[in-house]
Amino acid sequence: MKKILILCTGNSCRSQIAEGYLRHFAGNRAEVYSAGVETHGVNPRAIRTMAEDHIDISRHTSNHVDEYIDIPFDYVITVCDNANEACPFFPGNVQRFHHNFPDPAKATGNEEEIMNEFRRVRDMIKVYAADFVKSKIK
């Protein structure tokens, strides 16, 4: 079974969404974790936008990357440039991947405009996660 870590700045939106989709698409073929170089708590809008796509991340927790430093990951995926630059070294045969997704937590406007940005980023991450599982998780 493959072990995957998704890393972003605060482990509140992008990495939480990616964790939800990677778990969904990989099923029992992977153990999926997410963490941040900081912890900001799981964003309620991320929970809500994933629920719209029938994926429950309401029990996810915001974890610091240091909590997972001893896990032998097969893949580490950074989902923002800040996390890519701050990503610690993971020993072993770890393959690193990077995709800089926009941060929906920085969206401005009324609630509908903000939620639309969360949906837009969610959909980008969904495509990335599906493609990742298809190409890497056998």
Protein backbone atom coordinates (compact mmCIF):
# COMPACT_ATOMS: atom_id res chain seq x y z
CA MET A 1 0.00 0.00 0.00
CA LYS A 2 1.34 3.43 -0.99
CA LYS A 3 1.71 6.19 1.58
CA ILE A 4 0.96 9.73 0.39
CA LEU A 5 1.47 13.04 2.18
CA ILE A 6 -0.13 16.24 0.89
CA LEU A 7 1.53 19.35 2.22
CA CYS A 8 0.45 22.99 2.14
CA THR A 9 0.98 26.06 4.27
CA GLY A 10 -1.76 25.82 6.89
CA ASN A 11 -3.36 22.40 6.30
CA SER A 12 -6.74 24.11 6.20
CA CYS A 13 -8.01 24.09 2.58
CA ARG A 14 -5.99 22.79 -0.36
CA SER A 15 -4.28 19.87 1.36
CA GLN A 16 -7.52 18.90 3.13
CA ILE A 17 -9.41 18.87 -0.18
CA ALA A 18 -6.61 16.87 -1.81
CA GLU A 19 -6.60 14.39 1.06
CA GLY A 20 -10.33 13.88 0.65
CA TYR A 21 -10.09 13.26 -3.09
CA LEU A 22 -6.98 11.08 -2.95
CA ARG A 23 -8.64 8.90 -0.31
CA HIS A 24 -11.77 8.74 -2.44
CA PHE A 25 -10.00 7.81 -5.68
CA ALA A 26 -7.33 5.51 -4.20
CA GLY A 27 -9.64 3.64 -1.84
CA ASN A 28 -7.75 0.95 0.04
CA ARG A 29 -4.71 1.18 -2.27
CA ALA A 30 -3.16 4.10 -0.36
CA GLU A 31 -2.83 5.66 3.07
CA VAL A 32 -3.31 9.38 2.65
CA TYR A 33 -2.20 12.07 5.10
CA SER A 34 -2.19 15.84 4.93
CA ALA A 35 -0.19 18.38 6.88
CA GLY A 36 0.99 21.97 6.87
CA VAL A 37 4.17 23.80 7.61
CA GLU A 38 1.80 25.61 10.01
CA THR A 39 -1.62 24.57 11.34
CA HIS A 40 -4.64 26.81 10.84
CA GLY A 41 -7.51 24.39 11.48
CA VAL A 42 -9.75 22.92 8.80
CA ASN A 43 -11.56 25.70 6.97
CA PRO A 44 -15.38 25.37 7.28
CA ARG A 45 -15.80 26.41 3.64
CA ALA A 46 -13.49 23.57 2.55
CA ILE A 47 -15.68 21.17 4.52
CA ARG A 48 -18.82 22.63 2.96
CA THR A 49 -17.52 22.63 -0.59
CA MET A 50 -16.40 19.00 -0.30
CA ALA A 51 -19.78 18.03 1.15
CA GLU A 52 -21.36 19.47 -2.02
CA ASP A 53 -19.39 16.76 -3.89
CA HIS A 54 -20.44 14.09 -1.35
CA ILE A 55 -17.05 13.79 0.38
CA ASP A 56 -16.99 14.25 4.13
CA ILE A 57 -13.83 15.89 5.50
CA SER A 58 -15.55 17.21 8.63
CA ARG A 59 -13.52 14.90 10.88
CA HIS A 60 -10.17 15.85 9.37
CA THR A 61 -7.69 17.59 11.65
CA SER A 62 -5.08 20.21 10.87
CA ASN A 63 -1.68 18.60 11.45
CA HIS A 64 1.90 19.86 11.39
CA VAL A 65 4.32 18.16 9.00
CA ASP A 66 6.66 17.33 11.90
CA GLU A 67 4.06 14.83 13.15
CA TYR A 68 4.73 12.65 10.11
CA ILE A 69 8.49 12.94 9.66
CA ASP A 70 9.06 9.26 10.59
CA ILE A 71 6.49 7.78 8.21
CA PRO A 72 8.09 6.19 5.12
CA PHE A 73 6.11 8.03 2.43
CA ASP A 74 6.17 6.93 -1.17
CA TYR A 75 4.90 10.29 -2.40
CA VAL A 76 4.92 13.82 -1.03
CA ILE A 77 2.74 16.30 -2.90
CA THR A 78 3.09 20.00 -2.17
CA VAL A 79 0.05 22.00 -3.22
CA CYS A 80 1.44 25.52 -2.80
CA ASP A 81 4.75 27.21 -3.47
CA ASN A 82 5.31 28.09 0.19
CA ALA A 83 5.04 24.45 1.26
CA ASN A 84 7.26 23.39 -1.63
CA GLU A 85 9.98 25.74 -0.43
CA ALA A 86 9.55 24.80 3.26
CA CYS A 87 9.09 21.05 2.75
CA PRO A 88 11.43 19.11 5.03
CA PHE A 89 13.60 16.26 3.86
CA PHE A 90 11.92 12.87 4.03
CA PRO A 91 14.35 9.95 4.13
CA GLY A 92 14.03 6.96 1.85
CA ASN A 93 12.79 6.59 -1.67
CA VAL A 94 10.26 9.43 -1.63
CA GLN A 95 9.00 10.91 -4.87
CA ARG A 96 8.06 14.57 -4.59
CA PHE A 97 5.45 16.29 -6.72
CA HIS A 98 4.40 19.92 -6.77
CA HIS A 99 1.36 21.77 -8.06
CA ASN A 100 0.67 25.32 -6.94
CA PHE A 101 -3.09 25.65 -6.50
CA PRO A 102 -4.63 29.06 -5.71
CA ASP A 103 -5.51 29.57 -2.05
CA PRO A 104 -9.30 29.81 -1.80
CA ALA A 105 -9.00 31.16 1.75
CA LYS A 106 -7.71 34.39 0.22
CA ALA A 107 -10.85 34.88 -1.86
CA THR A 108 -12.71 38.13 -1.36
CA GLY A 109 -16.24 39.28 -2.09
CA ASN A 110 -19.60 38.19 -0.83
CA GLU A 111 -20.22 34.67 0.45
CA GLU A 112 -21.33 33.32 -2.93
CA GLU A 113 -18.22 34.72 -4.65
CA ILE A 114 -15.97 33.21 -2.00
CA MET A 115 -17.71 29.84 -2.24
CA ASN A 116 -17.39 29.94 -6.02
CA GLU A 117 -13.63 30.30 -5.60
CA PHE A 118 -13.60 27.35 -3.20
CA ARG A 119 -15.52 25.31 -5.80
CA ARG A 120 -13.17 26.35 -8.58
CA VAL A 121 -10.09 25.29 -6.61
CA ARG A 122 -11.84 22.12 -5.39
CA ASP A 123 -12.55 21.12 -8.98
CA MET A 124 -8.92 21.75 -9.99
CA ILE A 125 -7.70 19.58 -7.11
CA LYS A 126 -10.24 16.87 -7.97
CA VAL A 127 -8.86 16.55 -11.49
CA TYR A 128 -5.28 16.52 -10.21
CA ALA A 129 -6.08 13.85 -7.59
CA ALA A 130 -7.90 11.61 -10.08
CA ASP A 131 -5.01 11.86 -12.54
CA PHE A 132 -2.44 11.22 -9.80
CA VAL A 133 -4.20 8.05 -8.65
CA LYS A 134 -4.59 6.80 -12.23
CA SER A 135 -0.91 7.27 -13.00
CA LYS A 136 0.76 6.39 -9.65
CA ILE A 137 -1.44 4.08 -7.57
CA LYS A 138 -1.65 0.62 -9.05
